[in-house]
């Protein structure tokens, strides 16, 4: 079981590094042909959904799909973390002249976080690594 968590965390770290690299490229206008093609099509919204959703899935797995009970709701901690961070990241684009704030990008991020991030709970159960937290 510890070996599974180690592998998941290594994959998560590598993927997180890739996402940070993509963000740095976007901030600095280091666009290549792939970036330009994606940004000029609906692929941009799909990439927001997939990249942020996959990051949430991996972070939730890395955190053993720990859940926090909030009244009648349970929320994975990784999901909560990514909801806050991606919202801050999208709003931070208002500070860069070469970036564009877009509510549809934020909506795609949130959809990916909820839909793909939510898959970590059953996968973590299947892997036998899920952990519960006390009620808050």
N, C-alpha and C. Protein backbone atom coordinates (compact mmCIF):
# COMPACT_ATOMS: atom_id res chain seq x y z
N UNK A 1 0.83 -1.20 0.00
CA UNK A 1 0.00 0.00 0.00
C UNK A 1 0.87 1.26 0.00
N UNK A 2 1.93 1.30 0.82
CA UNK A 2 2.80 2.47 0.84
C UNK A 2 3.49 2.67 -0.50
N UNK A 3 3.76 1.58 -1.18
CA UNK A 3 4.40 1.66 -2.49
C UNK A 3 3.44 2.31 -3.50
N UNK A 4 2.16 1.99 -3.40
CA UNK A 4 1.15 2.59 -4.29
C UNK A 4 1.11 4.10 -4.07
N UNK A 5 1.06 4.53 -2.82
CA UNK A 5 1.02 5.96 -2.50
C UNK A 5 2.28 6.66 -3.03
N UNK A 6 3.44 6.04 -2.86
CA UNK A 6 4.68 6.62 -3.35
C UNK A 6 4.62 6.83 -4.86
N UNK A 7 4.17 5.83 -5.59
CA UNK A 7 4.06 5.96 -7.05
C UNK A 7 3.05 7.04 -7.44
N UNK A 8 1.92 7.06 -6.77
CA UNK A 8 0.91 8.08 -7.07
C UNK A 8 1.47 9.47 -6.80
N UNK A 9 2.19 9.63 -5.72
CA UNK A 9 2.75 10.95 -5.38
C UNK A 9 3.84 11.37 -6.36
N UNK A 10 4.63 10.43 -6.84
CA UNK A 10 5.64 10.76 -7.85
C UNK A 10 4.97 11.20 -9.16
N UNK A 11 3.94 10.50 -9.56
CA UNK A 11 3.20 10.86 -10.78
C UNK A 11 2.54 12.23 -10.59
N UNK A 12 1.97 12.45 -9.41
CA UNK A 12 1.33 13.74 -9.12
C UNK A 12 2.34 14.87 -9.18
N UNK A 13 3.52 14.67 -8.61
CA UNK A 13 4.56 15.70 -8.65
C UNK A 13 5.00 16.02 -10.07
N UNK A 14 5.16 14.99 -10.88
CA UNK A 14 5.55 15.20 -12.28
C UNK A 14 4.45 15.95 -13.04
N UNK A 15 3.21 15.56 -12.82
CA UNK A 15 2.10 16.21 -13.52
C UNK A 15 1.94 17.65 -13.06
N UNK A 16 2.09 17.89 -11.75
CA UNK A 16 2.00 19.24 -11.21
C UNK A 16 3.08 20.13 -11.84
N UNK A 17 4.29 19.59 -11.99
CA UNK A 17 5.38 20.33 -12.62
C UNK A 17 5.01 20.70 -14.06
N UNK A 18 4.41 19.75 -14.77
CA UNK A 18 3.98 20.01 -16.14
C UNK A 18 2.93 21.13 -16.19
N UNK A 19 1.96 21.10 -15.29
CA UNK A 19 0.91 22.13 -15.26
C UNK A 19 1.52 23.50 -14.96
N UNK A 20 2.44 23.56 -14.01
CA UNK A 20 3.11 24.83 -13.69
C UNK A 20 3.87 25.34 -14.91
N UNK A 21 4.54 24.44 -15.63
CA UNK A 21 5.26 24.81 -16.85
C UNK A 21 4.30 25.41 -17.88
N UNK A 22 3.14 24.80 -18.06
CA UNK A 22 2.14 25.31 -19.01
C UNK A 22 1.68 26.71 -18.60
N UNK A 23 1.45 26.91 -17.30
CA UNK A 23 1.02 28.22 -16.81
C UNK A 23 2.12 29.26 -17.05
N UNK A 24 3.38 28.90 -16.77
CA UNK A 24 4.50 29.82 -17.00
C UNK A 24 4.61 30.17 -18.48
N UNK A 25 4.44 29.18 -19.34
CA UNK A 25 4.46 29.44 -20.79
C UNK A 25 3.36 30.41 -21.19
N UNK A 26 2.17 30.24 -20.62
CA UNK A 26 1.05 31.11 -20.95
C UNK A 26 1.29 32.54 -20.45
N UNK A 27 1.83 32.68 -19.24
CA UNK A 27 2.10 34.00 -18.68
C UNK A 27 3.11 34.76 -19.54
N UNK A 28 4.11 34.06 -20.04
CA UNK A 28 5.21 34.69 -20.79
C UNK A 28 5.01 34.67 -22.31
N UNK A 29 3.83 34.26 -22.76
CA UNK A 29 3.54 34.19 -24.19
C UNK A 29 4.53 33.30 -24.94
N UNK A 30 4.96 32.21 -24.33
CA UNK A 30 5.85 31.27 -25.00
C UNK A 30 5.00 30.24 -25.70
N UNK A 31 4.29 30.70 -26.71
CA UNK A 31 3.37 29.83 -27.44
C UNK A 31 4.08 29.13 -28.57
N UNK A 32 3.81 27.88 -28.71
CA UNK A 32 4.26 27.12 -29.87
C UNK A 32 3.05 26.82 -30.73
N UNK A 33 3.22 26.06 -31.79
CA UNK A 33 2.10 25.76 -32.68
C UNK A 33 0.97 25.00 -31.98
N UNK A 34 1.31 24.15 -31.04
CA UNK A 34 0.26 23.40 -30.32
C UNK A 34 -0.55 24.35 -29.46
N UNK A 35 0.13 25.23 -28.72
CA UNK A 35 -0.54 26.22 -27.87
C UNK A 35 -1.49 27.08 -28.70
N UNK A 36 -0.99 27.55 -29.85
CA UNK A 36 -1.79 28.43 -30.68
C UNK A 36 -3.02 27.72 -31.23
N UNK A 37 -2.85 26.48 -31.66
CA UNK A 37 -3.98 25.70 -32.18
C UNK A 37 -5.03 25.48 -31.09
N UNK A 38 -4.57 25.12 -29.90
CA UNK A 38 -5.51 24.87 -28.79
C UNK A 38 -6.21 26.15 -28.39
N UNK A 39 -5.47 27.26 -28.31
CA UNK A 39 -6.08 28.52 -27.85
C UNK A 39 -7.07 29.10 -28.85
N UNK A 40 -6.98 28.73 -30.12
CA UNK A 40 -7.87 29.27 -31.14
C UNK A 40 -9.11 28.40 -31.36
N UNK A 41 -9.22 27.33 -30.63
CA UNK A 41 -10.37 26.42 -30.80
C UNK A 41 -11.02 26.18 -29.45
N UNK A 42 -12.05 25.35 -29.45
CA UNK A 42 -12.69 24.95 -28.20
C UNK A 42 -11.77 24.06 -27.38
N UNK A 43 -10.64 23.68 -27.97
CA UNK A 43 -9.65 22.87 -27.26
C UNK A 43 -9.16 23.53 -26.00
N UNK A 44 -9.17 24.86 -25.97
CA UNK A 44 -8.75 25.59 -24.78
C UNK A 44 -9.63 25.21 -23.59
N UNK A 45 -10.93 25.19 -23.80
CA UNK A 45 -11.85 24.86 -22.71
C UNK A 45 -11.72 23.38 -22.32
N UNK A 46 -11.53 22.53 -23.32
CA UNK A 46 -11.33 21.11 -23.05
C UNK A 46 -10.05 20.89 -22.25
N UNK A 47 -9.00 21.63 -22.59
CA UNK A 47 -7.74 21.49 -21.86
C UNK A 47 -7.87 21.97 -20.42
N UNK A 48 -8.63 23.04 -20.19
CA UNK A 48 -8.88 23.48 -18.81
C UNK A 48 -9.56 22.35 -18.04
N UNK A 49 -10.59 21.78 -18.62
CA UNK A 49 -11.33 20.69 -17.99
C UNK A 49 -10.41 19.51 -17.68
N UNK A 50 -9.65 19.06 -18.70
CA UNK A 50 -8.83 17.86 -18.54
C UNK A 50 -7.61 18.08 -17.64
N UNK A 51 -6.89 19.17 -17.86
CA UNK A 51 -5.67 19.39 -17.08
C UNK A 51 -5.95 19.61 -15.61
N UNK A 52 -6.90 20.47 -15.31
CA UNK A 52 -7.21 20.75 -13.90
C UNK A 52 -7.93 19.55 -13.27
N UNK A 53 -8.81 18.91 -14.03
CA UNK A 53 -9.50 17.73 -13.51
C UNK A 53 -8.54 16.61 -13.20
N UNK A 54 -7.57 16.35 -14.09
CA UNK A 54 -6.58 15.30 -13.85
C UNK A 54 -5.69 15.65 -12.67
N UNK A 55 -5.32 16.92 -12.55
CA UNK A 55 -4.52 17.34 -11.40
C UNK A 55 -5.29 17.10 -10.10
N UNK A 56 -6.56 17.43 -10.09
CA UNK A 56 -7.39 17.20 -8.90
C UNK A 56 -7.48 15.72 -8.58
N UNK A 57 -7.70 14.91 -9.59
CA UNK A 57 -7.76 13.46 -9.41
C UNK A 57 -6.48 12.94 -8.75
N UNK A 58 -5.32 13.36 -9.29
CA UNK A 58 -4.05 12.89 -8.76
C UNK A 58 -3.78 13.42 -7.36
N UNK A 59 -4.11 14.67 -7.11
CA UNK A 59 -3.91 15.22 -5.76
C UNK A 59 -4.82 14.51 -4.76
N UNK A 60 -6.07 14.28 -5.15
CA UNK A 60 -6.97 13.54 -4.26
C UNK A 60 -6.43 12.15 -3.96
N UNK A 61 -5.91 11.46 -4.97
CA UNK A 61 -5.32 10.14 -4.74
C UNK A 61 -4.10 10.25 -3.83
N UNK A 62 -3.26 11.26 -4.07
CA UNK A 62 -2.07 11.45 -3.24
C UNK A 62 -2.42 11.70 -1.79
N UNK A 63 -3.57 12.31 -1.58
CA UNK A 63 -4.04 12.59 -0.22
C UNK A 63 -4.94 11.47 0.31
N UNK A 64 -4.88 10.32 -0.37
CA UNK A 64 -5.66 9.14 0.01
C UNK A 64 -7.16 9.41 0.00
N UNK A 65 -7.58 10.32 -0.86
CA UNK A 65 -8.99 10.70 -1.01
C UNK A 65 -9.61 11.08 0.33
N UNK A 66 -8.82 11.76 1.17
CA UNK A 66 -9.32 12.19 2.47
C UNK A 66 -10.51 13.11 2.28
N UNK A 67 -11.53 12.84 3.04
CA UNK A 67 -12.75 13.64 2.94
C UNK A 67 -12.99 14.40 4.24
N UNK A 68 -13.60 15.53 4.08
CA UNK A 68 -14.00 16.37 5.20
C UNK A 68 -15.51 16.45 5.17
N UNK A 69 -16.13 16.15 6.27
CA UNK A 69 -17.58 16.18 6.34
C UNK A 69 -18.02 17.57 6.77
N UNK A 70 -18.84 18.18 5.94
CA UNK A 70 -19.38 19.51 6.22
C UNK A 70 -20.90 19.40 6.26
N UNK A 71 -21.43 19.13 7.44
CA UNK A 71 -22.87 18.91 7.56
C UNK A 71 -23.26 17.64 6.86
N UNK A 72 -24.16 17.77 5.88
CA UNK A 72 -24.60 16.58 5.13
C UNK A 72 -23.69 16.28 3.94
N UNK A 73 -22.72 17.16 3.67
CA UNK A 73 -21.83 16.99 2.54
C UNK A 73 -20.48 16.45 2.96
N UNK A 74 -19.87 15.67 2.08
CA UNK A 74 -18.47 15.25 2.24
C UNK A 74 -17.72 15.78 1.04
N UNK A 75 -16.55 16.32 1.29
CA UNK A 75 -15.76 16.91 0.21
C UNK A 75 -14.32 16.44 0.37
N UNK A 76 -13.73 15.99 -0.73
CA UNK A 76 -12.33 15.59 -0.68
C UNK A 76 -11.47 16.84 -0.51
N UNK A 77 -10.45 16.74 0.32
CA UNK A 77 -9.60 17.90 0.60
C UNK A 77 -8.89 18.42 -0.64
N UNK A 78 -8.45 17.52 -1.50
CA UNK A 78 -7.80 17.94 -2.74
C UNK A 78 -8.74 18.75 -3.62
N UNK A 79 -9.99 18.35 -3.64
CA UNK A 79 -11.00 19.08 -4.41
C UNK A 79 -11.16 20.50 -3.88
N UNK A 80 -11.26 20.63 -2.57
CA UNK A 80 -11.39 21.95 -1.95
C UNK A 80 -10.15 22.80 -2.25
N UNK A 81 -8.98 22.21 -2.13
CA UNK A 81 -7.74 22.91 -2.40
C UNK A 81 -7.68 23.42 -3.84
N UNK A 82 -8.02 22.56 -4.80
CA UNK A 82 -7.96 22.96 -6.21
C UNK A 82 -9.04 23.96 -6.57
N UNK A 83 -10.21 23.87 -5.95
CA UNK A 83 -11.25 24.88 -6.19
C UNK A 83 -10.74 26.26 -5.81
N UNK A 84 -10.08 26.35 -4.67
CA UNK A 84 -9.55 27.64 -4.21
C UNK A 84 -8.40 28.11 -5.11
N UNK A 85 -7.43 27.22 -5.36
CA UNK A 85 -6.25 27.62 -6.13
C UNK A 85 -6.57 27.99 -7.57
N UNK A 86 -7.42 27.22 -8.24
CA UNK A 86 -7.73 27.55 -9.63
C UNK A 86 -8.56 28.82 -9.74
N UNK A 87 -9.41 29.06 -8.75
CA UNK A 87 -10.18 30.30 -8.76
C UNK A 87 -9.24 31.50 -8.58
N UNK A 88 -8.30 31.38 -7.65
CA UNK A 88 -7.31 32.45 -7.45
C UNK A 88 -6.46 32.64 -8.70
N UNK A 89 -6.04 31.53 -9.33
CA UNK A 89 -5.21 31.63 -10.53
C UNK A 89 -5.96 32.32 -11.66
N UNK A 90 -7.21 31.98 -11.84
CA UNK A 90 -7.98 32.60 -12.93
C UNK A 90 -8.16 34.10 -12.67
N UNK A 91 -8.48 34.47 -11.43
CA UNK A 91 -8.65 35.89 -11.11
C UNK A 91 -7.32 36.64 -11.16
N UNK A 92 -6.19 35.94 -10.90
CA UNK A 92 -4.88 36.60 -10.96
C UNK A 92 -4.55 37.06 -12.38
N UNK A 93 -5.22 36.48 -13.38
CA UNK A 93 -4.97 36.88 -14.76
C UNK A 93 -5.37 38.32 -15.03
N UNK A 94 -6.19 38.87 -14.16
CA UNK A 94 -6.57 40.28 -14.29
C UNK A 94 -5.37 41.21 -14.10
N UNK A 95 -4.30 40.69 -13.46
CA UNK A 95 -3.11 41.50 -13.19
C UNK A 95 -2.09 41.46 -14.33
N UNK A 96 -2.29 40.60 -15.33
CA UNK A 96 -1.33 40.46 -16.43
C UNK A 96 -1.96 40.98 -17.72
N UNK A 97 -1.25 41.87 -18.39
CA UNK A 97 -1.79 42.45 -19.62
C UNK A 97 -1.88 41.42 -20.75
N UNK A 98 -1.01 40.42 -20.73
CA UNK A 98 -1.01 39.43 -21.80
C UNK A 98 -1.85 38.19 -21.47
N UNK A 99 -2.60 38.22 -20.38
CA UNK A 99 -3.48 37.11 -20.02
C UNK A 99 -4.92 37.60 -20.07
N UNK A 100 -5.85 36.68 -20.21
CA UNK A 100 -7.26 37.03 -20.34
C UNK A 100 -8.07 36.28 -19.29
N UNK A 101 -8.71 37.02 -18.42
CA UNK A 101 -9.63 36.42 -17.46
C UNK A 101 -10.86 35.94 -18.22
N UNK A 102 -11.32 34.72 -17.92
CA UNK A 102 -12.44 34.15 -18.64
C UNK A 102 -13.26 33.29 -17.69
N UNK A 103 -14.51 33.68 -17.47
CA UNK A 103 -15.38 32.90 -16.58
C UNK A 103 -15.66 31.51 -17.13
N UNK A 104 -15.64 31.36 -18.45
CA UNK A 104 -15.85 30.04 -19.04
C UNK A 104 -14.65 29.12 -18.74
N UNK A 105 -13.44 29.68 -18.74
CA UNK A 105 -12.27 28.90 -18.31
C UNK A 105 -12.45 28.43 -16.88
N UNK A 106 -12.89 29.33 -16.02
CA UNK A 106 -13.12 28.99 -14.61
C UNK A 106 -14.20 27.92 -14.48
N UNK A 107 -15.26 28.04 -15.27
CA UNK A 107 -16.33 27.03 -15.24
C UNK A 107 -15.82 25.67 -15.68
N UNK A 108 -14.96 25.65 -16.70
CA UNK A 108 -14.37 24.38 -17.16
C UNK A 108 -13.44 23.81 -16.10
N UNK A 109 -12.69 24.67 -15.42
CA UNK A 109 -11.85 24.21 -14.32
C UNK A 109 -12.70 23.55 -13.24
N UNK A 110 -13.76 24.22 -12.83
CA UNK A 110 -14.63 23.70 -11.77
C UNK A 110 -15.28 22.39 -12.20
N UNK A 111 -15.73 22.31 -13.44
CA UNK A 111 -16.33 21.07 -13.93
C UNK A 111 -15.32 19.92 -13.89
N UNK A 112 -14.09 20.17 -14.31
CA UNK A 112 -13.05 19.15 -14.25
C UNK A 112 -12.73 18.73 -12.83
N UNK A 113 -12.66 19.72 -11.94
CA UNK A 113 -12.38 19.44 -10.53
C UNK A 113 -13.45 18.53 -9.95
N UNK A 114 -14.69 18.86 -10.20
CA UNK A 114 -15.79 18.09 -9.61
C UNK A 114 -15.92 16.71 -10.26
N UNK A 115 -15.91 16.67 -11.59
CA UNK A 115 -16.15 15.39 -12.28
C UNK A 115 -14.94 14.45 -12.23
N UNK A 116 -13.78 14.93 -12.62
CA UNK A 116 -12.60 14.06 -12.63
C UNK A 116 -12.02 13.88 -11.23
N UNK A 117 -12.02 14.95 -10.45
CA UNK A 117 -11.53 14.84 -9.07
C UNK A 117 -12.36 13.89 -8.24
N UNK A 118 -13.65 13.84 -8.52
CA UNK A 118 -14.54 12.94 -7.79
C UNK A 118 -14.25 11.47 -8.04
N UNK A 119 -13.60 11.16 -9.14
CA UNK A 119 -13.26 9.77 -9.45
C UNK A 119 -12.20 9.21 -8.50
N UNK A 120 -11.48 10.07 -7.82
CA UNK A 120 -10.42 9.60 -6.92
C UNK A 120 -11.00 8.80 -5.75
N UNK A 121 -12.18 9.15 -5.30
CA UNK A 121 -12.77 8.46 -4.15
C UNK A 121 -12.98 6.97 -4.43
N UNK A 122 -13.68 6.60 -5.52
CA UNK A 122 -13.83 5.16 -5.77
C UNK A 122 -12.52 4.48 -6.15
N UNK A 123 -11.62 5.19 -6.85
CA UNK A 123 -10.34 4.59 -7.22
C UNK A 123 -9.50 4.34 -5.96
N UNK A 124 -9.49 5.31 -5.05
CA UNK A 124 -8.74 5.13 -3.79
C UNK A 124 -9.32 3.98 -2.97
N UNK A 125 -10.63 3.84 -2.98
CA UNK A 125 -11.25 2.70 -2.29
C UNK A 125 -10.83 1.39 -2.94
N UNK A 126 -10.83 1.37 -4.26
CA UNK A 126 -10.44 0.18 -5.01
C UNK A 126 -8.98 -0.19 -4.72
N UNK A 127 -8.12 0.83 -4.62
CA UNK A 127 -6.70 0.59 -4.32
C UNK A 127 -6.45 0.30 -2.86
N UNK A 128 -7.45 0.54 -2.02
CA UNK A 128 -7.30 0.30 -0.58
C UNK A 128 -6.51 1.36 0.14
N UNK A 129 -6.53 2.58 -0.36
CA UNK A 129 -5.73 3.67 0.25
C UNK A 129 -6.58 4.80 0.81
N UNK A 130 -7.90 4.68 0.74
CA UNK A 130 -8.78 5.78 1.16
C UNK A 130 -8.71 5.99 2.66
N UNK A 131 -8.82 7.25 3.07
CA UNK A 131 -8.74 7.62 4.48
C UNK A 131 -9.82 8.65 4.78
N UNK A 132 -10.48 8.50 5.92
CA UNK A 132 -11.51 9.45 6.32
C UNK A 132 -10.99 10.37 7.42
N UNK A 133 -11.48 11.60 7.40
CA UNK A 133 -11.18 12.56 8.46
C UNK A 133 -12.40 12.73 9.34
N UNK A 134 -12.17 13.29 10.50
CA UNK A 134 -13.28 13.55 11.42
C UNK A 134 -14.16 14.65 10.88
N UNK A 135 -15.38 14.71 11.40
CA UNK A 135 -16.35 15.73 10.98
C UNK A 135 -15.85 17.11 11.41
N UNK A 136 -16.18 18.10 10.58
CA UNK A 136 -15.77 19.48 10.90
C UNK A 136 -16.99 20.28 11.29
